[in-house]
C-alpha atoms as a PDB file:
ATOM      1  CA  MET A   1       0.304   0.225   0.039  1.00  0.00           C
ATOM      2  CA  LYS A   2       1.393   3.400  -1.071  1.00  0.00           C
ATOM      3  CA  LEU A   3       0.952   6.579   1.086  1.00  0.00           C
ATOM      4  CA  SER A   4      -0.184   9.280  -0.718  1.00  0.00           C
ATOM      5  CA  LYS A   5       2.197  12.707  -0.575  1.00  0.00           C
ATOM      6  CA  TYR A   6      -1.246  14.819   0.116  1.00  0.00           C
ATOM      7  CA  LYS A   7      -3.175  13.501   2.379  1.00  0.00           C
ATOM      8  CA  LYS A   8      -7.322  14.533   2.835  1.00  0.00           C
ATOM      9  CA  GLY A   9      -9.201  15.461   5.845  1.00  0.00           C
ATOM     10  CA  PHE A  10      -8.493  16.789   8.874  1.00  0.00           C
ATOM     11  CA  THR A  11      -6.328  16.553  12.119  1.00  0.00           C
ATOM     12  CA  LEU A  12      -7.309  15.904  15.493  1.00  0.00           C
ATOM     13  CA  LEU A  13      -5.966  19.495  16.542  1.00  0.00           C
ATOM     14  CA  GLU A  14      -7.878  20.926  13.646  1.00  0.00           C
ATOM     15  CA  MET A  15     -10.673  19.622  14.870  1.00  0.00           C
ATOM     16  CA  MET A  16     -10.217  19.876  18.468  1.00  0.00           C
ATOM     17  CA  VAL A  17      -9.715  23.885  18.010  1.00  0.00           C
ATOM     18  CA  ALA A  18     -13.194  24.284  15.283  1.00  0.00           C
ATOM     19  CA  ALA A  19     -15.190  22.403  17.967  1.00  0.00           C
ATOM     20  CA  ALA A  20     -13.695  25.399  21.007  1.00  0.00           C
ATOM     21  CA  ILE A  21     -14.549  27.640  18.564  1.00  0.00           C
ATOM     22  CA  LEU A  22     -18.359  25.851  18.053  1.00  0.00           C
ATOM     23  CA  VAL A  23     -18.863  26.284  21.903  1.00  0.00           C
ATOM     24  CA  ILE A  24     -17.668  29.660  22.285  1.00  0.00           C
ATOM     25  CA  SER A  25     -19.652  30.617  19.778  1.00  0.00           C
ATOM     26  CA  ILE A  26     -22.827  28.967  21.391  1.00  0.00           C
ATOM     27  CA  THR A  27     -22.058  29.633  25.025  1.00  0.00           C
ATOM     28  CA  ALA A  28     -22.221  33.130  23.794  1.00  0.00           C
ATOM     29  CA  LEU A  29     -25.450  33.344  21.873  1.00  0.00           C
ATOM     30  CA  LEU A  30     -26.840  31.286  24.564  1.00  0.00           C
ATOM     31  CA  ALA A  31     -25.970  33.943  26.904  1.00  0.00           C
ATOM     32  CA  SER A  32     -27.663  37.003  25.175  1.00  0.00           C
ATOM     33  CA  ILE A  33     -30.541  34.822  24.763  1.00  0.00           C
ATOM     34  CA  ILE A  34     -30.626  34.485  28.390  1.00  0.00           C
ATOM     35  CA  ASN A  35     -29.600  38.585  28.850  1.00  0.00           C
ATOM     36  CA  SER A  36     -32.660  39.495  26.457  1.00  0.00           C
ATOM     37  CA  TYR A  37     -35.188  37.455  28.555  1.00  0.00           C
ATOM     38  CA  PHE A  38     -34.416  39.310  31.595  1.00  0.00           C
ATOM     39  CA  LEU A  39     -34.284  42.753  30.263  1.00  0.00           C
ATOM     40  CA  ASN A  40     -37.869  41.651  28.462  1.00  0.00           C
ATOM     41  CA  GLU A  41     -38.753  40.504  31.784  1.00  0.00           C
ATOM     42  CA  ALA A  42     -37.975  43.779  33.260  1.00  0.00           C
ATOM     43  CA  SER A  43     -39.131  46.184  30.732  1.00  0.00           C
ATOM     44  CA  ASN A  44     -42.407  44.340  30.981  1.00  0.00           C
ATOM     45  CA  ASN A  45     -42.994  44.985  34.944  1.00  0.00           C
ATOM     46  CA  LYS A  46     -41.851  48.450  34.741  1.00  0.00           C
ATOM     47  CA  ALA A  47     -44.485  48.774  31.780  1.00  0.00           C
ATOM     48  CA  ILE A  48     -46.935  47.421  34.567  1.00  0.00           C
ATOM     49  CA  ALA A  49     -45.884  49.591  37.357  1.00  0.00           C
ATOM     50  CA  ALA A  50     -46.382  52.538  34.907  1.00  0.00           C
ATOM     51  CA  ASN A  51     -49.755  51.704  34.272  1.00  0.00           C
ATOM     52  CA  ASP A  52     -50.617  50.796  37.782  1.00  0.00           C
ATOM     53  CA  ALA A  53     -49.309  53.814  38.691  1.00  0.00           C
ATOM     54  CA  GLN A  54     -51.245  56.019  35.968  1.00  0.00           C
ATOM     55  CA  TYR A  55     -54.510  53.991  37.261  1.00  0.00           C
ATOM     56  CA  VAL A  56     -54.042  55.602  40.447  1.00  0.00           C
ATOM     57  CA  LEU A  57     -53.733  59.357  39.094  1.00  0.00           C
ATOM     58  CA  GLU A  58     -56.380  58.898  37.286  1.00  0.00           C
ATOM     59  CA  GLN A  59     -58.259  57.824  40.294  1.00  0.00           C
ATOM     60  CA  LEU A  60     -57.158  61.219  41.739  1.00  0.00           C
ATOM     61  CA  LYS A  61     -58.053  63.276  39.173  1.00  0.00           C
ATOM     62  CA  ASN A  62     -61.770  62.013  39.708  1.00  0.00           C
ATOM     63  CA  MET A  63     -61.434  63.592  43.581  1.00  0.00           C
ATOM     64  CA  THR A  64     -61.492  67.029  44.635  1.00  0.00           C
ATOM     65  CA  TYR A  65     -58.769  69.260  45.998  1.00  0.00           C
ATOM     66  CA  ASP A  66     -59.508  68.175  49.945  1.00  0.00           C
ATOM     67  CA  GLU A  67     -59.805  64.590  49.149  1.00  0.00           C
ATOM     68  CA  ILE A  68     -55.968  64.017  47.871  1.00  0.00           C
ATOM     69  CA  THR A  69     -53.909  62.754  50.659  1.00  0.00           C
ATOM     70  CA  SER A  70     -51.056  61.004  51.249  1.00  0.00           C
ATOM     71  CA  CYS A  71     -51.073  57.039  51.682  1.00  0.00           C
ATOM     72  CA  SER A  72     -48.045  55.253  52.561  1.00  0.00           C
ATOM     73  CA  ALA A  73     -47.084  51.583  53.282  1.00  0.00           C
ATOM     74  CA  CYS A  74     -48.805  50.155  50.955  1.00  0.00           C
ATOM     75  CA  CYS A  75     -52.345  51.902  50.793  1.00  0.00           C
ATOM     76  CA  ALA A  76     -55.465  49.502  50.924  1.00  0.00           C
ATOM     77  CA  ALA A  77     -57.368  51.093  48.419  1.00  0.00           C
ATOM     78  CA  TYR A  78     -54.788  50.632  45.713  1.00  0.00           C
ATOM     79  CA  ASP A  79     -54.289  47.154  46.160  1.00  0.00           C
ATOM     80  CA  PHE A  80     -52.986  45.415  42.786  1.00  0.00           C
ATOM     81  CA  SER A  81     -51.469  42.346  42.505  1.00  0.00           C
ATOM     82  CA  ASN A  82     -50.354  43.095  38.531  1.00  0.00           C
ATOM     83  CA  LEU A  83     -46.626  42.262  39.591  1.00  0.00           C
ATOM     84  CA  PRO A  84     -44.463  40.397  42.842  1.00  0.00           C
ATOM     85  CA  ASP A  85     -45.223  41.667  46.147  1.00  0.00           C
ATOM     86  CA  GLU A  86     -46.356  45.166  44.283  1.00  0.00           C
ATOM     87  CA  CYS A  87     -46.979  48.312  46.871  1.00  0.00           C
ATOM     88  CA  ILE A  88     -48.569  51.559  46.007  1.00  0.00           C
ATOM     89  CA  GLU A  89     -47.812  54.328  48.321  1.00  0.00           C
ATOM     90  CA  VAL A  90     -49.280  57.899  47.499  1.00  0.00           C
ATOM     91  CA  GLU A  91     -47.151  61.107  48.720  1.00  0.00           C
ATOM     92  CA  SER A  92     -49.156  64.669  49.056  1.00  0.00           C
ATOM     93  CA  THR A  93     -47.283  67.368  49.658  1.00  0.00           C
ATOM     94  CA  GLU A  94     -49.316  71.153  49.013  1.00  0.00           C
ATOM     95  CA  ASN A  95     -47.053  74.313  48.282  1.00  0.00           C
ATOM     96  CA  GLY A  96     -50.183  76.987  47.879  1.00  0.00           C
ATOM     97  CA  ASN A  97     -52.897  76.210  46.097  1.00  0.00           C
ATOM     98  CA  VAL A  98     -50.625  73.241  44.138  1.00  0.00           C
ATOM     99  CA  LYS A  99     -50.451  70.219  45.290  1.00  0.00           C
ATOM    100  CA  GLU A 100     -47.490  67.824  44.341  1.00  0.00           C
ATOM    101  CA  VAL A 101     -48.326  63.912  44.228  1.00  0.00           C
ATOM    102  CA  ILE A 102     -45.557  61.390  43.777  1.00  0.00           C
ATOM    103  CA  THR A 103     -46.979  57.645  42.817  1.00  0.00           C
ATOM    104  CA  ASP A 104     -44.426  54.648  44.135  1.00  0.00           C
ATOM    105  CA  VAL A 105     -45.088  51.350  42.635  1.00  0.00           C
ATOM    106  CA  SER A 106     -42.679  48.939  44.631  1.00  0.00           C
ATOM    107  CA  TRP A 107     -42.350  44.900  43.420  1.00  0.00           C
ATOM    108  CA  THR A 108     -39.802  42.020  43.385  1.00  0.00           C
ATOM    109  CA  GLU A 109     -38.103  41.332  40.557  1.00  0.00           C
ATOM    110  CA  ARG A 110     -35.499  38.127  40.561  1.00  0.00           C
ATOM    111  CA  GLU A 111     -35.235  38.595  44.441  1.00  0.00           C
ATOM    112  CA  ARG A 112     -34.256  42.146  44.289  1.00  0.00           C
ATOM    113  CA  GLN A 113     -36.606  45.447  45.064  1.00  0.00           C
ATOM    114  CA  ARG A 114     -37.708  47.811  42.344  1.00  0.00           C
ATOM    115  CA  ASN A 115     -39.740  51.090  41.914  1.00  0.00           C
ATOM    116  CA  LEU A 116     -40.853  53.542  39.900  1.00  0.00           C
ATOM    117  CA  ALA A 117     -41.851  56.662  40.629  1.00  0.00           C
ATOM    118  CA  ILE A 118     -44.593  59.463  38.854  1.00  0.00           C
ATOM    119  CA  THR A 119     -45.389  62.968  40.050  1.00  0.00           C
ATOM    120  CA  THR A 120     -47.840  65.056  39.073  1.00  0.00           C
ATOM    121  CA  ARG A 121     -49.587  68.241  40.041  1.00  0.00           C
ATOM    122  CA  PHE A 122     -52.703  69.275  41.263  1.00  0.00           C
ATOM    123  CA  ALA A 123     -53.969  72.910  41.679  1.00  0.00           C
ATOM    124  CA  TRP A 124     -57.505  74.632  42.765  1.00  0.00           C
END
């Protein structure tokens, strides 16, 4: 049997290098997919919190000026369960004939406390 001067095929080293490059590429792709999932979840939760805060502000808009008061420690009047451990607090400060109302929505996301605050003003 005669050995050819020009061998065809890949060596074991070339195959190992190709496999290593493939593993690194797949790992990077999976990491970016997982990161995108977490960013999507955080963005969705923030949109839900903004909607809940906007709902509370709309409810305050239907009240008279004197009825708008602060409500802390998870207002019972605004008992939402759209987010895990969701709590809505309303802080009202009066300056002359203008009330500044801060609606703070807090929730738990991946074992971390998150919050979103929306501020508006009411005048009489």
